[in-house]
């Protein structure tokens, strides 16, 4: 899957977050490191979402890329 991320240079390096996944953020000393780290954050976020969905009736929908 592809996720849109926002990235901002800071005094410490780079902050990066996923606007579509509230609270999903990471950082890195370089832009490349931040981009790699956000992948791990997205995977961890998805695992938590899956655990929270256990016992609930769920459906999947597909949305055309705009």
Foldseek 3Di string as FASTA:
>chain_A
DDFDKDWDQDPQAIKIATPVQPPQIDGDNYPVRRVVVSVVSVVVSVVVVVVVCPPPDDDDDDDDDD
